[in-house]
Protein backbone atom coordinates (compact mmCIF):
# COMPACT_ATOMS: atom_id res chain seq x y z
CA MET A 1 -91.77 24.22 8.05
CA LYS A 2 -89.28 23.21 6.06
CA ALA A 3 -90.08 22.52 1.59
CA PRO A 4 -90.60 18.62 0.86
CA ARG A 5 -86.99 17.87 -0.19
CA GLN A 6 -86.77 17.02 -4.01
CA PRO A 7 -86.25 13.92 -5.23
CA ASP A 8 -82.36 13.30 -6.82
CA ARG A 9 -82.79 11.93 -10.30
CA ARG A 10 -80.84 9.95 -9.03
CA GLU A 11 -83.26 7.95 -7.14
CA LEU A 12 -85.37 7.63 -10.08
CA PRO A 13 -86.59 4.91 -12.23
CA ILE A 14 -85.79 5.12 -15.67
CA GLY A 15 -88.61 6.36 -17.32
CA ARG A 16 -88.66 8.96 -15.02
CA ARG A 17 -85.47 10.56 -15.70
CA VAL A 18 -86.25 10.18 -19.59
CA ALA A 19 -88.99 12.12 -18.99
CA GLN A 20 -87.86 15.17 -17.28
CA LEU A 21 -85.11 15.53 -19.51
CA ARG A 22 -87.31 15.68 -22.07
CA ALA A 23 -89.40 17.48 -20.40
CA ARG A 24 -85.93 20.21 -19.88
CA ARG A 25 -85.38 19.84 -23.82
CA GLY A 26 -88.52 21.25 -24.56
CA MET A 27 -89.60 17.99 -26.82
CA SER A 28 -92.79 16.64 -26.69
CA GLN A 29 -93.14 12.72 -27.06
CA GLN A 30 -94.05 13.20 -30.36
CA VAL A 31 -91.01 15.26 -31.61
CA PHE A 32 -88.36 12.86 -29.03
CA ALA A 33 -90.52 9.21 -30.84
CA ASP A 34 -89.59 10.76 -34.50
CA ARG A 35 -85.46 11.67 -33.05
CA ILE A 36 -85.66 7.77 -32.14
CA GLY A 37 -87.57 6.01 -34.32
CA ARG A 38 -90.08 4.45 -31.76
CA SER A 39 -93.62 5.95 -32.06
CA LYS A 40 -95.61 7.62 -29.03
CA SER A 41 -96.38 5.63 -27.21
CA TRP A 42 -93.78 3.67 -26.71
CA VAL A 43 -92.41 6.50 -25.29
CA ASP A 44 -95.33 7.21 -22.93
CA LYS A 45 -94.65 3.80 -21.58
CA VAL A 46 -91.53 3.42 -21.11
CA GLU A 47 -91.71 7.76 -18.89
CA ARG A 48 -94.65 5.64 -17.42
CA GLY A 49 -92.40 2.82 -15.35
CA VAL A 50 -94.83 0.84 -17.93
CA ARG A 51 -92.58 -0.48 -20.01
CA THR A 52 -89.24 -0.74 -19.05
CA LEU A 53 -85.60 0.50 -21.18
CA ASP A 54 -83.81 -3.64 -21.37
CA ARG A 55 -81.58 -2.75 -23.72
CA LEU A 56 -78.09 -1.00 -23.74
CA PRO A 57 -77.90 -0.12 -27.34
CA MET A 58 -81.61 1.04 -26.90
CA ILE A 59 -80.20 3.07 -24.24
CA GLU A 60 -77.88 4.76 -25.97
CA THR A 61 -79.86 5.71 -28.46
CA VAL A 62 -82.54 7.84 -26.14
CA ALA A 63 -79.69 8.56 -24.40
CA ALA A 64 -78.29 10.35 -27.53
CA ALA A 65 -81.63 12.30 -28.26
CA LEU A 66 -81.96 13.76 -25.01
CA GLY A 67 -77.72 14.80 -24.87
CA VAL A 68 -76.85 12.37 -21.86
CA THR A 69 -74.90 9.40 -21.66
CA PRO A 70 -75.84 6.52 -20.74
CA GLY A 71 -74.52 7.05 -17.32
CA VAL A 72 -76.22 10.20 -16.48
CA LEU A 73 -79.72 9.04 -17.58
CA LEU A 74 -79.08 6.27 -15.43
CA GLY A 75 -77.24 7.50 -12.65
CA ARG A 76 -74.17 7.30 -12.36
CA ARG A 77 -72.58 9.42 -11.83
CA THR A 78 -72.66 8.39 -7.36
CA GLN A 79 -70.49 5.17 -9.33
CA GLN A 80 -68.14 7.38 -11.05
CA ALA A 81 -66.97 8.87 -7.94
CA ARG A 82 -66.62 6.00 -5.81
CA THR A 83 -64.68 4.70 -8.61
CA THR A 84 -62.63 8.48 -9.08
CA ASP A 85 -62.32 8.17 -4.64
CA ALA A 86 -60.63 4.40 -5.74
CA THR A 87 -58.20 4.84 -7.57
CA THR A 88 -57.13 8.37 -5.97
CA ALA A 89 -57.20 5.63 -2.66
CA ILE A 90 -55.08 3.48 -4.69
CA GLU A 91 -51.72 5.75 -4.74
CA HIS A 92 -51.94 7.04 -1.71
CA VAL A 93 -51.65 2.50 -0.77
CA ARG A 94 -49.77 3.13 -3.14
CA GLU A 95 -46.92 6.13 -1.21
CA ALA A 96 -47.61 4.12 1.56
CA LEU A 97 -46.27 1.20 0.61
CA ALA A 98 -42.86 3.19 -1.11
CA SER A 99 -42.08 4.39 2.19
CA HIS A 100 -39.21 3.43 3.70
CA HIS A 101 -39.74 5.88 6.59
CA THR A 102 -38.16 4.90 9.43
CA PRO A 103 -39.85 6.41 13.70
CA THR A 104 -36.77 9.19 15.05
CA SER A 105 -39.16 7.58 18.21
CA HIS A 106 -40.46 4.95 19.68
CA VAL A 107 -43.04 7.00 21.84
CA GLY A 108 -46.22 5.25 18.94
CA PRO A 109 -49.30 3.87 18.52
CA PRO A 110 -50.69 1.52 21.84
CA VAL A 111 -49.90 -1.41 20.24
CA ALA A 112 -53.52 -2.28 21.44
CA ASP A 113 -55.32 0.63 19.96
CA VAL A 114 -53.44 -0.50 16.54
CA ASP A 115 -54.72 -4.44 16.75
CA HIS A 116 -58.47 -2.79 18.16
CA GLN A 117 -57.92 -0.39 14.03
CA ILE A 118 -57.04 -3.76 12.06
CA GLY A 119 -59.32 -5.98 13.31
CA TYR A 120 -61.59 -3.05 12.70
CA ALA A 121 -60.82 -2.82 8.72
CA HIS A 122 -61.10 -7.37 8.70
CA THR A 123 -64.14 -6.40 9.41
CA ALA A 124 -64.44 -4.13 7.07
CA TYR A 125 -63.15 -6.40 4.39
CA ARG A 126 -65.45 -9.53 5.81
CA HIS A 127 -67.96 -7.35 4.71
CA GLY A 128 -66.97 -6.31 1.62
CA HIS A 129 -66.61 -2.83 2.44
CA HIS A 130 -63.26 -1.89 -0.45
CA HIS A 131 -63.68 1.92 0.05
CA GLN A 132 -63.62 2.18 3.80
CA VAL A 133 -60.86 -0.47 3.73
CA LEU A 134 -58.26 1.62 1.12
CA ARG A 135 -59.35 4.38 3.25
CA MET A 136 -58.12 2.91 6.40
CA LEU A 137 -55.09 0.97 5.04
CA PRO A 138 -52.34 4.36 4.93
CA GLY A 139 -52.51 5.01 8.28
CA LEU A 140 -52.83 1.69 8.97
CA LEU A 141 -49.56 0.70 7.49
CA ALA A 142 -47.58 3.98 9.02
CA ALA A 143 -49.02 2.71 12.46
CA ALA A 144 -48.36 -0.76 12.78
CA ARG A 145 -44.45 0.16 11.76
CA HIS A 146 -44.51 2.34 14.18
CA THR A 147 -45.10 0.20 16.52
CA HIS A 148 -42.77 -2.31 14.95
CA HIS A 149 -39.46 -3.37 16.27
CA PRO A 150 -37.26 -6.34 15.59
CA ALA A 151 -36.31 -7.04 19.10
CA SER A 152 -39.81 -5.86 20.84
CA ASP A 153 -42.11 -7.94 21.31
CA PRO A 154 -43.50 -10.32 18.61
CA THR A 155 -46.92 -9.38 18.45
CA THR A 156 -46.14 -6.13 16.24
CA ALA A 157 -44.77 -8.06 13.73
CA LEU A 158 -47.83 -9.97 14.16
CA HIS A 159 -49.72 -7.05 13.88
CA LEU A 160 -47.51 -5.90 10.78
CA VAL A 161 -48.53 -8.93 9.11
CA ARG A 162 -51.76 -8.67 9.12
CA VAL A 163 -51.66 -5.15 7.88
CA TYR A 164 -49.48 -6.33 4.21
CA ARG A 165 -52.35 -9.33 4.26
CA LEU A 166 -54.74 -7.29 4.09
CA THR A 167 -53.24 -4.90 1.55
CA ALA A 168 -52.45 -7.26 -0.54
CA GLN A 169 -55.07 -9.04 -0.84
CA THR A 170 -57.65 -5.82 -1.44
CA LEU A 171 -55.01 -5.22 -4.07
CA VAL A 172 -55.44 -8.24 -5.68
CA LYS A 173 -59.00 -7.96 -5.85
CA LEU A 174 -58.37 -4.53 -7.50
CA GLY A 175 -56.87 -5.65 -9.83
CA GLU A 176 -53.16 -4.24 -8.79
CA PRO A 177 -51.07 -7.97 -8.47
CA TYR A 178 -47.74 -5.94 -9.19
CA LEU A 179 -48.22 -4.23 -6.10
CA ALA A 180 -49.97 -6.05 -3.61
CA TRP A 181 -46.22 -8.71 -4.28
CA LEU A 182 -44.98 -5.53 -2.81
CA ALA A 183 -46.64 -5.68 -0.28
CA THR A 184 -47.06 -9.64 0.32
CA ASP A 185 -42.99 -10.24 -0.05
CA ARG A 186 -43.19 -7.16 2.91
CA ALA A 187 -45.40 -9.66 4.45
CA MET A 188 -42.78 -12.34 4.09
CA VAL A 189 -39.31 -10.33 5.48
CA THR A 190 -41.96 -9.08 8.63
CA ALA A 191 -42.71 -12.68 8.90
CA ALA A 192 -38.25 -13.55 9.46
CA GLY A 193 -38.88 -17.26 8.55
CA ASP A 194 -41.60 -17.85 11.71
CA PRO A 195 -44.51 -20.07 10.83
CA ARG A 196 -47.31 -19.26 11.83
CA ARG A 197 -46.63 -15.10 10.56
CA THR A 198 -45.39 -16.75 6.95
CA ALA A 199 -48.49 -18.49 6.10
CA LEU A 200 -49.87 -15.67 6.86
CA ALA A 201 -48.06 -13.90 4.32
CA ALA A 202 -48.31 -16.53 1.99
CA VAL A 203 -52.36 -16.73 1.43
CA PRO A 204 -51.56 -13.30 -0.57
CA LEU A 205 -48.35 -14.47 -1.65
CA ALA A 206 -50.78 -16.94 -4.04
CA GLN A 207 -53.16 -15.13 -4.78
CA ALA A 208 -50.73 -12.63 -6.54
CA LEU A 209 -49.59 -14.49 -8.24
CA ARG A 210 -52.42 -16.19 -9.54
CA ALA A 211 -53.30 -13.17 -10.25
CA LEU A 212 -49.86 -12.48 -12.82
CA HIS A 213 -50.60 -16.15 -13.84
CA ARG A 214 -47.94 -17.51 -11.70
CA SER A 215 -49.71 -20.58 -11.03
CA ARG A 216 -46.49 -22.85 -10.67
CA LEU A 217 -45.01 -20.44 -8.53
CA ALA A 218 -48.28 -19.48 -6.41
CA LEU A 219 -48.97 -23.15 -5.52
CA THR A 220 -44.94 -23.91 -4.84
CA ALA A 221 -45.29 -20.89 -2.72
CA ALA A 222 -48.17 -22.12 -0.73
CA THR A 223 -47.54 -26.25 -0.07
CA ALA A 224 -44.14 -24.01 1.14
CA ALA A 225 -45.40 -22.74 3.50
CA VAL A 226 -47.87 -25.09 4.76
CA ARG A 227 -45.23 -27.67 6.10
CA PRO A 228 -43.60 -25.87 8.80
CA LEU A 229 -47.29 -26.02 9.95
CA ASP A 230 -46.95 -30.08 10.79
CA LEU A 231 -50.02 -30.86 9.68
CA ALA A 232 -48.67 -34.83 10.96
CA PRO A 233 -51.88 -37.23 12.71
CA HIS A 234 -50.26 -37.20 15.76
CA ARG A 235 -49.71 -33.70 15.88
CA GLU A 236 -53.37 -31.34 17.37
CA LEU A 237 -53.08 -28.06 15.61
CA PRO A 238 -54.99 -25.04 17.16
CA PRO A 239 -57.61 -23.42 15.77
CA ASP A 240 -56.78 -20.31 14.31
CA ASP A 241 -52.94 -22.60 13.05
CA LEU A 242 -55.80 -25.40 11.09
CA ALA A 243 -58.18 -22.71 9.96
CA LEU A 244 -54.59 -20.85 7.91
CA ALA A 245 -53.66 -24.14 7.20
CA GLY A 246 -56.52 -25.29 4.90
CA THR A 247 -56.56 -21.82 3.27
CA LEU A 248 -53.72 -22.42 1.95
CA LEU A 249 -54.19 -26.07 1.04
CA THR A 250 -57.12 -23.93 -1.17
CA GLU A 251 -55.17 -21.66 -2.41
CA ALA A 252 -52.63 -23.43 -3.27
CA ALA A 253 -55.49 -26.56 -5.52
CA LEU A 254 -56.66 -23.09 -7.47
CA ALA A 255 -52.87 -22.67 -8.26
CA ALA A 256 -52.75 -26.93 -9.51
CA ALA A 257 -55.99 -26.52 -11.20
CA THR A 258 -55.03 -23.46 -13.27
CA CYS A 259 -51.69 -25.23 -14.19
CA GLY A 260 -54.07 -28.62 -15.62
CA ASN A 261 -53.33 -30.82 -12.43
CA PRO A 262 -56.45 -32.65 -11.08
CA ALA A 263 -54.67 -34.82 -9.28
CA ALA A 264 -52.73 -32.05 -6.53
CA VAL A 265 -56.26 -30.76 -6.54
CA ASP A 266 -57.11 -33.53 -5.22
CA ASP A 267 -55.14 -34.45 -2.45
CA LEU A 268 -54.40 -30.92 -1.37
CA THR A 269 -58.42 -29.94 -1.14
CA ASP A 270 -58.51 -33.79 0.17
CA ARG A 271 -56.38 -32.17 3.15
CA ALA A 272 -58.40 -28.87 3.08
CA ALA A 273 -61.58 -31.05 3.51
CA HIS A 274 -59.97 -32.97 6.40
CA LEU A 275 -58.86 -29.76 8.32
CA ALA A 276 -61.97 -27.86 7.63
CA ALA A 277 -64.37 -30.56 9.43
CA THR A 278 -61.62 -30.85 12.77
CA HIS A 279 -61.76 -26.84 12.59
CA THR A 280 -65.32 -26.84 12.46
CA ALA A 281 -65.12 -29.36 15.10
CA HIS A 282 -63.79 -26.55 17.65
CA GLN A 283 -64.44 -23.54 16.27
CA GLN A 284 -68.07 -22.64 16.24
CA HIS A 285 -68.07 -19.39 15.63
CA ASP A 286 -65.78 -18.81 13.09
CA HIS A 287 -67.16 -19.39 9.42
CA SER A 288 -63.93 -17.88 7.33
CA PHE A 289 -62.73 -21.44 6.57
CA GLY A 290 -64.83 -24.43 6.59
CA PRO A 291 -66.26 -27.54 4.97
CA ILE A 292 -68.56 -24.99 2.44
CA VAL A 293 -65.01 -23.32 1.24
CA VAL A 294 -63.02 -25.84 0.87
CA GLU A 295 -66.27 -26.69 -1.29
CA LEU A 296 -66.58 -23.30 -3.29
CA ALA A 297 -63.01 -24.23 -4.03
CA ARG A 298 -63.70 -27.69 -6.12
CA ALA A 299 -66.21 -26.24 -8.03
CA LEU A 300 -63.83 -22.84 -8.97
CA ALA A 301 -60.75 -25.56 -9.66
CA ALA A 302 -64.17 -26.95 -11.44
CA ALA A 303 -64.54 -25.02 -13.74
CA HIS A 304 -60.05 -23.31 -14.13
CA LEU A 305 -59.79 -27.58 -15.00
CA GLY A 306 -61.92 -26.75 -17.60
CA ASP A 307 -65.40 -29.83 -16.54
CA ASN A 308 -67.98 -27.03 -16.15
CA HIS A 309 -70.52 -28.95 -15.45
CA LEU A 310 -68.82 -30.03 -11.97
CA ALA A 311 -68.50 -27.12 -11.60
CA VAL A 312 -71.52 -26.07 -12.16
CA THR A 313 -72.93 -28.72 -10.41
CA LEU A 314 -70.47 -28.16 -6.55
CA HIS A 315 -71.86 -24.08 -6.72
CA HIS A 316 -75.21 -25.19 -5.97
CA HIS A 317 -74.42 -28.28 -3.91
CA ALA A 318 -72.35 -24.99 -2.33
CA THR A 319 -74.58 -22.25 -2.59
CA SER A 320 -77.61 -24.23 -1.36
CA GLY A 321 -76.96 -25.19 2.35
CA ASP A 322 -76.75 -22.42 5.69
CA ALA A 323 -73.35 -21.95 5.58
CA TRP A 324 -72.92 -20.31 2.68
CA HIS A 325 -75.17 -17.40 3.58
CA ARG A 326 -72.93 -17.86 7.06
CA LEU A 327 -69.61 -17.12 5.06
CA PRO A 328 -68.21 -13.35 5.00
CA ALA A 329 -69.97 -11.36 1.86
CA GLU A 330 -66.51 -10.58 0.48
CA HIS A 331 -66.66 -14.16 0.21
CA ARG A 332 -70.18 -14.97 -1.14
CA ALA A 333 -69.68 -11.73 -3.82
CA ALA A 334 -65.96 -13.11 -4.70
CA HIS A 335 -67.29 -16.19 -5.33
CA LEU A 336 -69.51 -16.01 -7.52
CA ILE A 337 -68.48 -12.61 -9.98
CA ASP A 338 -65.09 -15.73 -10.51
CA ILE A 339 -68.11 -18.97 -11.07
CA THR A 340 -69.41 -16.95 -13.99
CA ARG A 341 -67.11 -18.01 -16.73
CA ALA A 342 -68.20 -21.25 -16.17
CA HIS A 343 -71.49 -20.26 -16.79
CA LEU A 344 -71.04 -18.54 -19.39
CA ASP A 345 -68.73 -21.59 -21.54
CA LEU A 346 -71.70 -23.65 -20.39
CA GLY A 347 -73.46 -20.96 -23.03
CA ASP A 348 -75.91 -19.53 -19.97
CA HIS A 349 -75.17 -16.06 -20.18
CA HIS A 350 -78.35 -15.60 -17.94
CA ALA A 351 -77.35 -17.70 -14.92
CA ALA A 352 -74.28 -15.70 -14.86
CA GLY A 353 -76.13 -12.34 -15.56
CA ARG A 354 -77.80 -13.75 -12.50
CA ALA A 355 -74.16 -14.17 -10.13
CA LEU A 356 -73.63 -10.92 -10.88
CA LEU A 357 -76.57 -9.76 -9.96
CA THR A 358 -76.16 -11.35 -6.57
CA ALA A 359 -73.83 -10.10 -6.01
CA HIS A 360 -73.54 -6.87 -6.44
CA ARG A 361 -77.07 -7.62 -3.92
CA ILE A 362 -74.82 -8.95 -1.08
CA ALA A 363 -71.62 -6.79 -1.62
CA PRO A 364 -72.16 -3.85 -3.68
CA ALA A 365 -67.69 -3.58 -3.66
CA GLU A 366 -67.19 -6.38 -5.46
CA VAL A 367 -68.53 -6.10 -8.75
CA ARG A 368 -67.88 -2.24 -8.73
CA LEU A 369 -64.47 -1.96 -8.38
CA ARG A 370 -62.75 -5.60 -8.93
CA PRO A 371 -61.58 -6.12 -12.96
CA ALA A 372 -63.22 -9.71 -12.64
CA ALA A 373 -66.86 -9.13 -12.41
CA HIS A 374 -67.02 -5.80 -15.43
CA THR A 375 -64.80 -9.00 -17.87
CA ALA A 376 -68.18 -11.01 -16.98
CA LEU A 377 -70.47 -8.03 -17.39
CA THR A 378 -68.98 -7.40 -20.58
CA ALA A 379 -68.89 -11.30 -21.24
CA VAL A 380 -72.44 -11.48 -20.68
CA LEU A 381 -73.67 -8.81 -22.21
CA ARG A 382 -71.89 -10.23 -24.99
CA ALA A 383 -73.85 -12.92 -24.90
CA GLY A 384 -77.04 -12.28 -26.50
CA PRO A 385 -80.52 -10.05 -24.80
CA THR A 386 -79.83 -10.19 -20.89
CA PRO A 387 -82.64 -9.06 -18.49
CA ALA A 388 -82.89 -5.50 -18.00
CA ASP A 389 -81.70 -5.16 -14.42
CA VAL A 390 -78.33 -6.69 -15.47
CA THR A 391 -77.85 -4.09 -18.44
CA ARG A 392 -78.74 -1.36 -15.72
CA LEU A 393 -76.03 -3.06 -13.52
CA ALA A 394 -73.91 -3.18 -16.33
CA THR A 395 -73.90 0.84 -17.45
CA THR A 396 -74.46 2.31 -13.38
CA ILE A 397 -71.19 0.31 -13.07
CA GLY A 398 -69.65 2.20 -16.39
CA LEU A 399 -69.95 -0.20 -19.16
CA THR A 400 -70.81 1.00 -22.42
CA GLY A 401 -71.52 -1.34 -25.51
CA SER A 402 -73.15 -4.03 -26.99
CA PRO A 403 -72.80 -7.52 -28.20
CA ASP A 404 -72.86 -6.88 -31.12
CA GLY A 405 -69.22 -3.96 -30.06
CA PRO A 406 -66.73 -3.96 -28.00
CA ALA A 407 -67.66 -2.66 -24.38
CA THR A 408 -66.01 -0.11 -22.99
CA ARG A 409 -65.46 1.01 -19.46
CA GLU A 410 -65.68 4.98 -19.76
């Protein structure tokens, strides 16, 4: 009969961790209390979970007295390993993009298998499983390149464009816009002027350009890619093309907002809303694009234009219905991260903190890996006292500091 498994220290509440670390160092509660400038009663309540360590400066004080980092105190070793894994995986993606190897044999993986792998990777992305996507990308790039030959079935070109698109979108999220731009350039070359393939490649191109603060170029790229899809009223687009055109229009609207062009934002989002209504009527089970996506884009555009009250109002309205919960986890978490700036600009850092916590519950990798989330969380910490769960999240993902000093990534 096996002995009961001892609980991992990372699974314990913070008070229990404090008690274990204190005991291992041979300190009584009184000695420990003297070292951190608190009473023995305070230490006892913390260790029993009656009182919560809910301020980052005190967490750092307690950790220093115990001779550990705040991350160890809060069980951050797993996150450090994940961050290291992500960095290594990005380097592997970089190597795969830098490769210009041309297969010497036409015998590669079956096209159907590549299609299945791409679909699996896209599903992982929509669920916010970015570690999994990163691990898959080098192999996907190699497989899609191997099956693609310019004179062969155009399906193979579409496969390669889809892989480049997924690569670029993932890299933009993880703070690698220049590398993402390289992936989108490869996608554009592979698209070879085909309207749909070009439109697919233009979505991450606009995202990468916005991340590089080239919003005018992003606006041009997105609107130019929409035109060949032919949005004339007399032509009925297939559902997939409707969604693609609408997505490009929302990307263009966000670019126009960062350029400070409210008239263009209104025009682009109105056009996107029309397509979203049509798409919803034709495609009941595809939730990647629809009216909710346009409304969320309107909210973020309002924030970029400086109308934070409108941004938060639109955000609350859009997220209050069932359509919000049908969106992919990645989209919901990403939006919550992006809307934190509007909350902060309105002086509501508690709402910003709640948005980040909700994003973490929906898709943890969005908050743990995205530099944008780290920046937002740092701003929340600096804005004033934060609830214990926000403080724990900040330290768990590797952020240290306090409202009185700079927060840094360890």
